[in-house]
């Protein structure tokens, strides 16, 4: 992930975890191009990181 992104989370409720960050990093390193269909992937953090 080349650009600096700052993310904030609430202290209660559903929050993203390292799995989402690792998956987004993997996708970016693979050079996958095109649309991403982010369904059932938690709170949508993967879509934000891939934007």
PDB file of N, CA and C in Angstrom:
ATOM      1  N   UNK A   1       0.844  -1.160   0.000  1.00  0.00           N
ATOM      2  CA  UNK A   1       0.000   0.000   0.000  1.00  0.00           C
ATOM      3  C   UNK A   1       0.895   1.229   0.000  1.00  0.00           C
ATOM      4  N   UNK A   2       0.937   1.900  -1.082  1.00  0.00           N
ATOM      5  CA  UNK A   2       1.919   2.956  -1.263  1.00  0.00           C
ATOM      6  C   UNK A   2       1.514   4.297  -0.663  1.00  0.00           C
ATOM      7  N   UNK A   3       0.229   4.606  -0.612  1.00  0.00           N
ATOM      8  CA  UNK A   3      -0.214   5.891  -0.071  1.00  0.00           C
ATOM      9  C   UNK A   3      -0.531   5.751   1.408  1.00  0.00           C
ATOM     10  N   UNK A   4      -0.299   6.822   2.140  1.00  0.00           N
ATOM     11  CA  UNK A   4      -0.594   6.824   3.565  1.00  0.00           C
ATOM     12  C   UNK A   4      -2.084   7.022   3.774  1.00  0.00           C
ATOM     13  N   UNK A   5      -2.701   6.118   4.522  1.00  0.00           N
ATOM     14  CA  UNK A   5      -4.122   6.201   4.841  1.00  0.00           C
ATOM     15  C   UNK A   5      -4.252   6.122   6.351  1.00  0.00           C
ATOM     16  N   UNK A   6      -5.037   7.013   6.924  1.00  0.00           N
ATOM     17  CA  UNK A   6      -5.316   6.977   8.352  1.00  0.00           C
ATOM     18  C   UNK A   6      -6.749   6.517   8.549  1.00  0.00           C
ATOM     19  N   UNK A   7      -6.935   5.466   9.335  1.00  0.00           N
ATOM     20  CA  UNK A   7      -8.260   4.913   9.586  1.00  0.00           C
ATOM     21  C   UNK A   7      -8.574   5.003  11.068  1.00  0.00           C
ATOM     22  N   UNK A   8      -9.809   5.340  11.385  1.00  0.00           N
ATOM     23  CA  UNK A   8     -10.255   5.407  12.778  1.00  0.00           C
ATOM     24  C   UNK A   8     -11.328   4.348  12.996  1.00  0.00           C
ATOM     25  N   UNK A   9     -11.353   3.777  14.185  1.00  0.00           N
ATOM     26  CA  UNK A   9     -12.358   2.778  14.524  1.00  0.00           C
ATOM     27  C   UNK A   9     -13.005   3.144  15.850  1.00  0.00           C
ATOM     28  N   UNK A  10     -14.266   2.764  15.993  1.00  0.00           N
ATOM     29  CA  UNK A  10     -14.936   2.923  17.275  1.00  0.00           C
ATOM     30  C   UNK A  10     -14.364   1.902  18.250  1.00  0.00           C
ATOM     31  N   UNK A  11     -14.453   2.190  19.527  1.00  0.00           N
ATOM     32  CA  UNK A  11     -13.933   1.243  20.515  1.00  0.00           C
ATOM     33  C   UNK A  11     -14.897   0.082  20.745  1.00  0.00           C
ATOM     34  N   UNK A  12     -16.150   0.226  20.351  1.00  0.00           N
ATOM     35  CA  UNK A  12     -17.161  -0.823  20.493  1.00  0.00           C
ATOM     36  C   UNK A  12     -17.697  -1.201  19.119  1.00  0.00           C
ATOM     37  N   UNK A  13     -18.199  -2.416  18.981  1.00  0.00           N
ATOM     38  CA  UNK A  13     -18.798  -2.849  17.729  1.00  0.00           C
ATOM     39  C   UNK A  13     -17.795  -3.542  16.830  1.00  0.00           C
ATOM     40  N   UNK A  14     -18.237  -3.818  15.585  1.00  0.00           N
ATOM     41  CA  UNK A  14     -17.386  -4.543  14.646  1.00  0.00           C
ATOM     42  C   UNK A  14     -16.259  -3.645  14.156  1.00  0.00           C
ATOM     43  N   UNK A  15     -15.057  -4.185  14.126  1.00  0.00           N
ATOM     44  CA  UNK A  15     -13.886  -3.455  13.641  1.00  0.00           C
ATOM     45  C   UNK A  15     -13.092  -4.356  12.712  1.00  0.00           C
ATOM     46  N   UNK A  16     -12.347  -3.753  11.821  1.00  0.00           N
ATOM     47  CA  UNK A  16     -11.502  -4.555  10.937  1.00  0.00           C
ATOM     48  C   UNK A  16     -10.313  -5.085  11.725  1.00  0.00           C
ATOM     49  N   UNK A  17      -9.656  -6.107  11.163  1.00  0.00           N
ATOM     50  CA  UNK A  17      -8.483  -6.677  11.830  1.00  0.00           C
ATOM     51  C   UNK A  17      -7.358  -6.859  10.814  1.00  0.00           C
ATOM     52  N   UNK A  18      -6.301  -7.480  11.237  1.00  0.00           N
ATOM     53  CA  UNK A  18      -5.128  -7.619  10.367  1.00  0.00           C
ATOM     54  C   UNK A  18      -5.402  -8.486   9.146  1.00  0.00           C
ATOM     55  N   UNK A  19      -6.375  -9.396   9.217  1.00  0.00           N
ATOM     56  CA  UNK A  19      -6.697 -10.227   8.051  1.00  0.00           C
ATOM     57  C   UNK A  19      -7.069  -9.370   6.848  1.00  0.00           C
ATOM     58  N   UNK A  20      -7.864  -8.337   7.080  1.00  0.00           N
ATOM     59  CA  UNK A  20      -8.279  -7.441   5.994  1.00  0.00           C
ATOM     60  C   UNK A  20      -7.083  -6.702   5.413  1.00  0.00           C
ATOM     61  N   UNK A  21      -6.185  -6.262   6.262  1.00  0.00           N
ATOM     62  CA  UNK A  21      -5.000  -5.540   5.800  1.00  0.00           C
ATOM     63  C   UNK A  21      -4.078  -6.451   4.997  1.00  0.00           C
ATOM     64  N   UNK A  22      -3.913  -7.686   5.462  1.00  0.00           N
ATOM     65  CA  UNK A  22      -3.063  -8.649   4.759  1.00  0.00           C
ATOM     66  C   UNK A  22      -3.658  -8.999   3.399  1.00  0.00           C
ATOM     67  N   UNK A  23      -4.973  -9.211   3.337  1.00  0.00           N
ATOM     68  CA  UNK A  23      -5.619  -9.533   2.065  1.00  0.00           C
ATOM     69  C   UNK A  23      -5.501  -8.378   1.073  1.00  0.00           C
ATOM     70  N   UNK A  24      -5.737  -7.150   1.520  1.00  0.00           N
ATOM     71  CA  UNK A  24      -5.610  -5.989   0.633  1.00  0.00           C
ATOM     72  C   UNK A  24      -4.174  -5.855   0.128  1.00  0.00           C
ATOM     73  N   UNK A  25      -3.207  -6.068   0.997  1.00  0.00           N
ATOM     74  CA  UNK A  25      -1.800  -5.996   0.593  1.00  0.00           C
ATOM     75  C   UNK A  25      -1.474  -7.080  -0.436  1.00  0.00           C
ATOM     76  N   UNK A  26      -1.988  -8.285  -0.233  1.00  0.00           N
ATOM     77  CA  UNK A  26      -1.773  -9.381  -1.180  1.00  0.00           C
ATOM     78  C   UNK A  26      -2.336  -9.030  -2.552  1.00  0.00           C
ATOM     79  N   UNK A  27      -3.554  -8.510  -2.588  1.00  0.00           N
ATOM     80  CA  UNK A  27      -4.188  -8.144  -3.860  1.00  0.00           C
ATOM     81  C   UNK A  27      -3.357  -7.084  -4.575  1.00  0.00           C
ATOM     82  N   UNK A  28      -2.901  -6.082  -3.846  1.00  0.00           N
ATOM     83  CA  UNK A  28      -2.105  -5.019  -4.460  1.00  0.00           C
ATOM     84  C   UNK A  28      -0.774  -5.546  -4.999  1.00  0.00           C
ATOM     85  N   UNK A  29      -0.134  -6.444  -4.270  1.00  0.00           N
ATOM     86  CA  UNK A  29       1.157  -6.986  -4.709  1.00  0.00           C
ATOM     87  C   UNK A  29       1.017  -7.904  -5.921  1.00  0.00           C
ATOM     88  N   UNK A  30      -0.156  -8.499  -6.124  1.00  0.00           N
ATOM     89  CA  UNK A  30      -0.392  -9.371  -7.271  1.00  0.00           C
ATOM     90  C   UNK A  30      -0.603  -8.578  -8.548  1.00  0.00           C
ATOM     91  N   UNK A  31      -0.841  -7.281  -8.407  1.00  0.00           N
ATOM     92  CA  UNK A  31      -1.055  -6.450  -9.585  1.00  0.00           C
ATOM     93  C   UNK A  31      -2.404  -6.682 -10.247  1.00  0.00           C
ATOM     94  N   UNK A  32      -3.349  -7.176  -9.473  1.00  0.00           N
ATOM     95  CA  UNK A  32      -4.682  -7.449 -10.003  1.00  0.00           C
ATOM     96  C   UNK A  32      -5.345  -6.133 -10.369  1.00  0.00           C
ATOM     97  N   UNK A  33      -5.864  -6.055 -11.581  1.00  0.00           N
ATOM     98  CA  UNK A  33      -6.515  -4.838 -12.071  1.00  0.00           C
ATOM     99  C   UNK A  33      -7.997  -5.108 -12.282  1.00  0.00           C
ATOM    100  N   UNK A  34      -8.789  -4.051 -12.254  1.00  0.00           N
ATOM    101  CA  UNK A  34     -10.212  -4.177 -12.537  1.00  0.00           C
ATOM    102  C   UNK A  34     -11.056  -3.932 -11.304  1.00  0.00           C
ATOM    103  N   UNK A  35     -12.293  -4.337 -11.388  1.00  0.00           N
ATOM    104  CA  UNK A  35     -13.252  -4.103 -10.311  1.00  0.00           C
ATOM    105  C   UNK A  35     -13.113  -5.156  -9.218  1.00  0.00           C
ATOM    106  N   UNK A  36     -13.452  -4.757  -8.003  1.00  0.00           N
ATOM    107  CA  UNK A  36     -13.465  -5.666  -6.864  1.00  0.00           C
ATOM    108  C   UNK A  36     -14.874  -5.668  -6.296  1.00  0.00           C
ATOM    109  N   UNK A  37     -15.422  -6.844  -6.086  1.00  0.00           N
ATOM    110  CA  UNK A  37     -16.766  -6.996  -5.539  1.00  0.00           C
ATOM    111  C   UNK A  37     -16.612  -7.344  -4.069  1.00  0.00           C
ATOM    112  N   UNK A  38     -16.772  -6.374  -3.186  1.00  0.00           N
ATOM    113  CA  UNK A  38     -16.521  -6.504  -1.750  1.00  0.00           C
ATOM    114  C   UNK A  38     -17.837  -6.806  -1.033  1.00  0.00           C
ATOM    115  N   UNK A  39     -18.223  -8.091  -1.032  1.00  0.00           N
ATOM    116  CA  UNK A  39     -19.475  -8.505  -0.395  1.00  0.00           C
ATOM    117  C   UNK A  39     -19.154  -9.468   0.737  1.00  0.00           C
ATOM    118  N   UNK A  40     -19.693  -9.217   1.896  1.00  0.00           N
ATOM    119  CA  UNK A  40     -19.477 -10.105   3.021  1.00  0.00           C
ATOM    120  C   UNK A  40     -18.054 -10.079   3.531  1.00  0.00           C
ATOM    121  N   UNK A  41     -17.341  -8.993   3.268  1.00  0.00           N
ATOM    122  CA  UNK A  41     -15.946  -8.893   3.683  1.00  0.00           C
ATOM    123  C   UNK A  41     -15.809  -8.041   4.937  1.00  0.00           C
ATOM    124  N   UNK A  42     -16.803  -8.092   5.805  1.00  0.00           N
ATOM    125  CA  UNK A  42     -16.716  -7.347   7.058  1.00  0.00           C
ATOM    126  C   UNK A  42     -17.280  -5.952   6.950  1.00  0.00           C
ATOM    127  N   UNK A  43     -16.446  -4.970   7.234  1.00  0.00           N
ATOM    128  CA  UNK A  43     -16.908  -3.577   7.316  1.00  0.00           C
ATOM    129  C   UNK A  43     -16.540  -2.743   6.093  1.00  0.00           C
ATOM    130  N   UNK A  44     -16.060  -3.358   5.029  1.00  0.00           N
ATOM    131  CA  UNK A  44     -15.754  -2.629   3.803  1.00  0.00           C
ATOM    132  C   UNK A  44     -14.362  -2.040   3.733  1.00  0.00           C
ATOM    133  N   UNK A  45     -13.502  -2.387   4.659  1.00  0.00           N
ATOM    134  CA  UNK A  45     -12.164  -1.804   4.702  1.00  0.00           C
ATOM    135  C   UNK A  45     -11.322  -2.222   3.493  1.00  0.00           C
ATOM    136  N   UNK A  46     -11.544  -3.417   2.963  1.00  0.00           N
ATOM    137  CA  UNK A  46     -10.766  -3.866   1.805  1.00  0.00           C
ATOM    138  C   UNK A  46     -11.035  -2.965   0.610  1.00  0.00           C
ATOM    139  N   UNK A  47     -12.294  -2.649   0.385  1.00  0.00           N
ATOM    140  CA  UNK A  47     -12.640  -1.747  -0.709  1.00  0.00           C
ATOM    141  C   UNK A  47     -12.018  -0.375  -0.559  1.00  0.00           C
ATOM    142  N   UNK A  48     -11.963   0.112   0.670  1.00  0.00           N
ATOM    143  CA  UNK A  48     -11.347   1.419   0.932  1.00  0.00           C
ATOM    144  C   UNK A  48      -9.850   1.364   0.642  1.00  0.00           C
ATOM    145  N   UNK A  49      -9.188   0.316   1.085  1.00  0.00           N
ATOM    146  CA  UNK A  49      -7.743   0.200   0.892  1.00  0.00           C
ATOM    147  C   UNK A  49      -7.360  -0.005  -0.566  1.00  0.00           C
ATOM    148  N   UNK A  50      -8.242  -0.607  -1.349  1.00  0.00           N
ATOM    149  CA  UNK A  50      -7.945  -0.853  -2.758  1.00  0.00           C
ATOM    150  C   UNK A  50      -8.346   0.305  -3.652  1.00  0.00           C
ATOM    151  N   UNK A  51      -9.023   1.279  -3.125  1.00  0.00           N
ATOM    152  CA  UNK A  51      -9.493   2.434  -3.912  1.00  0.00           C
ATOM    153  C   UNK A  51      -8.352   3.222  -4.468  1.00  0.00           C
TER     154      UNK A  51
END
